[in-house]
N, C-alpha and C. Protein backbone atom coordinates (compact mmCIF):
# COMPACT_ATOMS: atom_id res chain seq x y z
N UNK A 1 -189.67 28.92 -86.07
CA UNK A 1 -188.16 28.73 -86.62
C UNK A 1 -187.51 30.06 -85.94
N UNK A 2 -186.36 29.65 -85.34
CA UNK A 2 -185.41 30.18 -84.65
C UNK A 2 -184.13 30.54 -85.34
N UNK A 3 -183.93 32.08 -85.37
CA UNK A 3 -182.63 32.22 -85.82
C UNK A 3 -181.63 32.65 -85.00
N UNK A 4 -180.13 32.42 -85.33
CA UNK A 4 -179.65 32.56 -84.33
C UNK A 4 -178.77 34.14 -84.37
N UNK A 5 -178.89 34.62 -83.44
CA UNK A 5 -178.18 36.09 -83.46
C UNK A 5 -176.84 36.27 -83.76
N UNK A 6 -176.02 37.23 -83.98
CA UNK A 6 -174.87 37.23 -84.10
C UNK A 6 -174.13 37.20 -82.83
N UNK A 7 -174.53 37.81 -81.87
CA UNK A 7 -174.16 37.59 -80.49
C UNK A 7 -173.69 36.03 -80.34
N UNK A 8 -174.63 34.96 -80.55
CA UNK A 8 -174.82 33.81 -80.37
C UNK A 8 -173.70 33.15 -80.88
N UNK A 9 -173.39 33.67 -82.55
CA UNK A 9 -172.45 33.14 -83.10
C UNK A 9 -171.20 33.22 -82.87
N UNK A 10 -170.87 34.62 -82.40
CA UNK A 10 -169.74 35.26 -81.83
C UNK A 10 -169.43 34.27 -80.43
N UNK A 11 -170.17 34.03 -79.73
CA UNK A 11 -169.77 33.28 -78.31
C UNK A 11 -169.56 31.95 -78.82
N UNK A 12 -169.84 31.34 -79.81
CA UNK A 12 -169.76 29.78 -79.82
C UNK A 12 -168.25 30.02 -80.51
N UNK A 13 -167.61 30.79 -81.29
CA UNK A 13 -166.54 31.09 -82.11
C UNK A 13 -165.53 31.21 -80.71
N UNK A 14 -165.71 32.41 -80.01
CA UNK A 14 -165.14 32.77 -78.72
C UNK A 14 -164.77 31.54 -78.02
N UNK A 15 -165.83 30.61 -77.66
CA UNK A 15 -165.71 29.69 -76.49
C UNK A 15 -164.84 28.52 -77.49
N UNK A 16 -164.81 28.32 -78.67
CA UNK A 16 -163.89 27.31 -79.65
C UNK A 16 -162.64 27.84 -79.42
N UNK A 17 -162.27 29.09 -79.44
CA UNK A 17 -160.99 29.81 -79.41
C UNK A 17 -160.42 29.88 -78.12
N UNK A 18 -161.15 29.62 -77.05
CA UNK A 18 -160.72 29.98 -75.89
C UNK A 18 -160.68 28.80 -75.19
N UNK A 19 -161.54 27.49 -75.71
CA UNK A 19 -160.91 25.88 -75.28
C UNK A 19 -159.53 25.81 -76.18
N UNK A 20 -159.45 25.97 -77.30
CA UNK A 20 -157.99 25.90 -77.83
C UNK A 20 -156.86 26.49 -77.36
N UNK A 21 -156.83 27.66 -77.11
CA UNK A 21 -155.80 28.27 -76.06
C UNK A 21 -155.64 27.70 -74.78
N UNK A 22 -156.88 27.46 -74.37
CA UNK A 22 -156.34 26.60 -73.15
C UNK A 22 -155.76 25.55 -72.91
N UNK A 23 -156.37 24.80 -74.06
CA UNK A 23 -155.34 23.39 -74.38
C UNK A 23 -154.14 23.88 -74.95
N UNK A 24 -154.00 24.69 -75.40
CA UNK A 24 -152.51 24.84 -75.91
C UNK A 24 -151.56 25.58 -74.69
N UNK A 25 -152.27 26.14 -73.97
CA UNK A 25 -151.30 26.64 -72.92
C UNK A 25 -151.24 25.78 -71.74
N UNK A 26 -152.25 24.76 -71.80
CA UNK A 26 -151.58 23.32 -70.67
C UNK A 26 -150.65 22.57 -71.52
N UNK A 27 -150.62 22.61 -72.84
CA UNK A 27 -149.41 21.57 -73.55
C UNK A 27 -148.16 22.46 -72.84
N UNK A 28 -148.18 23.71 -73.36
CA UNK A 28 -146.92 24.52 -73.01
C UNK A 28 -146.35 24.54 -71.82
N UNK A 29 -147.30 24.73 -70.60
CA UNK A 29 -146.94 24.61 -69.64
C UNK A 29 -146.41 23.02 -69.09
N UNK A 30 -147.02 22.21 -69.62
CA UNK A 30 -146.82 20.95 -69.05
C UNK A 30 -145.48 20.39 -69.83
N UNK A 31 -145.07 20.70 -70.89
CA UNK A 31 -144.01 20.65 -71.74
C UNK A 31 -142.83 20.99 -70.94
N UNK A 32 -143.09 22.37 -70.68
CA UNK A 32 -141.88 23.17 -70.00
C UNK A 32 -141.60 22.62 -68.58
N UNK A 33 -142.56 22.43 -67.90
CA UNK A 33 -142.32 21.71 -66.63
C UNK A 33 -141.49 20.54 -66.58
N UNK A 34 -141.90 19.61 -67.73
CA UNK A 34 -141.08 18.23 -67.81
C UNK A 34 -139.65 18.53 -68.24
N UNK A 35 -139.46 19.62 -69.34
CA UNK A 35 -138.08 20.20 -69.64
C UNK A 35 -137.28 20.39 -68.72
N UNK A 36 -137.85 21.20 -67.79
CA UNK A 36 -137.23 21.61 -66.36
C UNK A 36 -137.25 20.40 -65.37
N UNK A 37 -138.08 19.88 -65.09
CA UNK A 37 -137.60 18.62 -64.29
C UNK A 37 -136.57 17.50 -65.01
N UNK A 38 -136.44 17.24 -65.84
CA UNK A 38 -135.34 16.23 -66.78
C UNK A 38 -134.30 16.73 -66.64
N UNK A 39 -134.15 18.37 -66.85
CA UNK A 39 -132.70 18.96 -66.93
C UNK A 39 -132.08 19.18 -65.50
N UNK A 40 -132.77 18.79 -64.56
CA UNK A 40 -132.24 19.02 -63.18
C UNK A 40 -131.13 17.78 -62.79
N UNK A 41 -129.98 18.39 -62.31
CA UNK A 41 -129.15 17.40 -62.16
C UNK A 41 -129.71 16.08 -61.17
N UNK A 42 -129.43 14.98 -61.37
CA UNK A 42 -129.78 13.84 -60.37
C UNK A 42 -128.93 14.05 -58.95
N UNK A 43 -129.77 14.12 -57.85
CA UNK A 43 -129.09 14.27 -56.50
C UNK A 43 -128.11 12.91 -55.90
N UNK A 44 -127.47 13.29 -55.09
CA UNK A 44 -126.63 12.33 -54.72
C UNK A 44 -127.26 11.16 -54.08
N UNK A 45 -128.41 11.16 -53.46
CA UNK A 45 -128.88 10.47 -52.73
C UNK A 45 -129.77 9.10 -53.47
N UNK A 46 -129.79 9.63 -54.79
CA UNK A 46 -130.29 8.55 -55.73
C UNK A 46 -129.78 7.56 -56.35
N UNK A 47 -129.93 6.42 -56.22
CA UNK A 47 -129.17 5.24 -56.98
C UNK A 47 -128.45 5.59 -58.02
N UNK A 48 -127.35 5.04 -57.97
CA UNK A 48 -126.49 5.71 -59.22
C UNK A 48 -126.93 4.99 -60.40
N UNK A 49 -127.02 5.48 -61.43
CA UNK A 49 -127.30 4.66 -63.06
C UNK A 49 -126.60 3.29 -63.49
N UNK A 50 -127.30 2.57 -63.78
CA UNK A 50 -126.27 1.16 -64.38
C UNK A 50 -126.24 1.42 -65.86
N UNK A 51 -124.84 1.84 -65.75
CA UNK A 51 -124.53 1.97 -67.34
C UNK A 51 -124.77 0.64 -68.12
N UNK A 52 -124.64 -0.47 -67.75
CA UNK A 52 -124.83 -1.93 -68.36
C UNK A 52 -125.95 -2.15 -68.67
N UNK A 53 -127.35 -1.62 -68.12
CA UNK A 53 -128.44 -1.92 -68.56
C UNK A 53 -128.74 -1.14 -69.73
N UNK A 54 -129.02 -2.00 -70.86
CA UNK A 54 -129.38 -1.57 -72.05
C UNK A 54 -130.66 -2.08 -72.55
N UNK A 55 -131.67 -1.22 -72.87
CA UNK A 55 -133.25 -2.01 -73.54
C UNK A 55 -132.61 -2.42 -75.18
N UNK A 56 -132.66 -3.47 -75.50
CA UNK A 56 -132.41 -4.00 -76.81
C UNK A 56 -133.59 -3.24 -77.97
N UNK A 57 -133.26 -3.54 -79.05
CA UNK A 57 -134.12 -2.96 -80.23
C UNK A 57 -135.22 -3.84 -80.65
N UNK A 58 -136.64 -3.52 -80.92
CA UNK A 58 -137.50 -4.57 -81.02
C UNK A 58 -136.96 -5.32 -81.98
N UNK A 59 -136.21 -5.71 -82.93
CA UNK A 59 -135.94 -6.42 -84.06
C UNK A 59 -135.02 -7.49 -83.50
N UNK A 60 -134.19 -7.45 -82.21
CA UNK A 60 -133.62 -8.35 -81.60
C UNK A 60 -134.45 -8.91 -80.70
N UNK A 61 -135.77 -8.45 -80.24
CA UNK A 61 -136.44 -9.53 -79.41
C UNK A 61 -137.00 -10.41 -80.34
N UNK A 62 -137.46 -10.22 -81.61
CA UNK A 62 -138.08 -10.83 -82.39
C UNK A 62 -137.57 -11.92 -83.24
N UNK A 63 -135.73 -11.89 -83.01
CA UNK A 63 -135.00 -12.33 -83.98
C UNK A 63 -134.95 -14.01 -83.73
N UNK A 64 -135.45 -14.46 -82.29
CA UNK A 64 -135.15 -15.99 -81.97
C UNK A 64 -136.67 -16.56 -83.08
N UNK A 65 -137.42 -15.87 -83.47
CA UNK A 65 -138.80 -16.65 -83.86
C UNK A 65 -138.31 -16.81 -85.50
N UNK A 66 -137.38 -16.03 -85.73
CA UNK A 66 -137.24 -15.93 -87.38
C UNK A 66 -136.70 -17.16 -88.04
N UNK A 67 -135.73 -17.58 -86.92
CA UNK A 67 -135.20 -18.96 -87.62
C UNK A 67 -134.14 -19.42 -87.45
């Protein structure tokens, strides 16, 4: 029978904390980069947005089947 030493228990806890911290850090960096990218003004070379294009609500897509 093999008993785990306290250093092995600490290393597994440290490893779990490290993975959690790394995942959280990657989320924060990705979220921040996305927000910065989306807050940039559109360049003049891009195609102009079409304000007439509207995506309908899901309920309107099923209204023809209702009767």
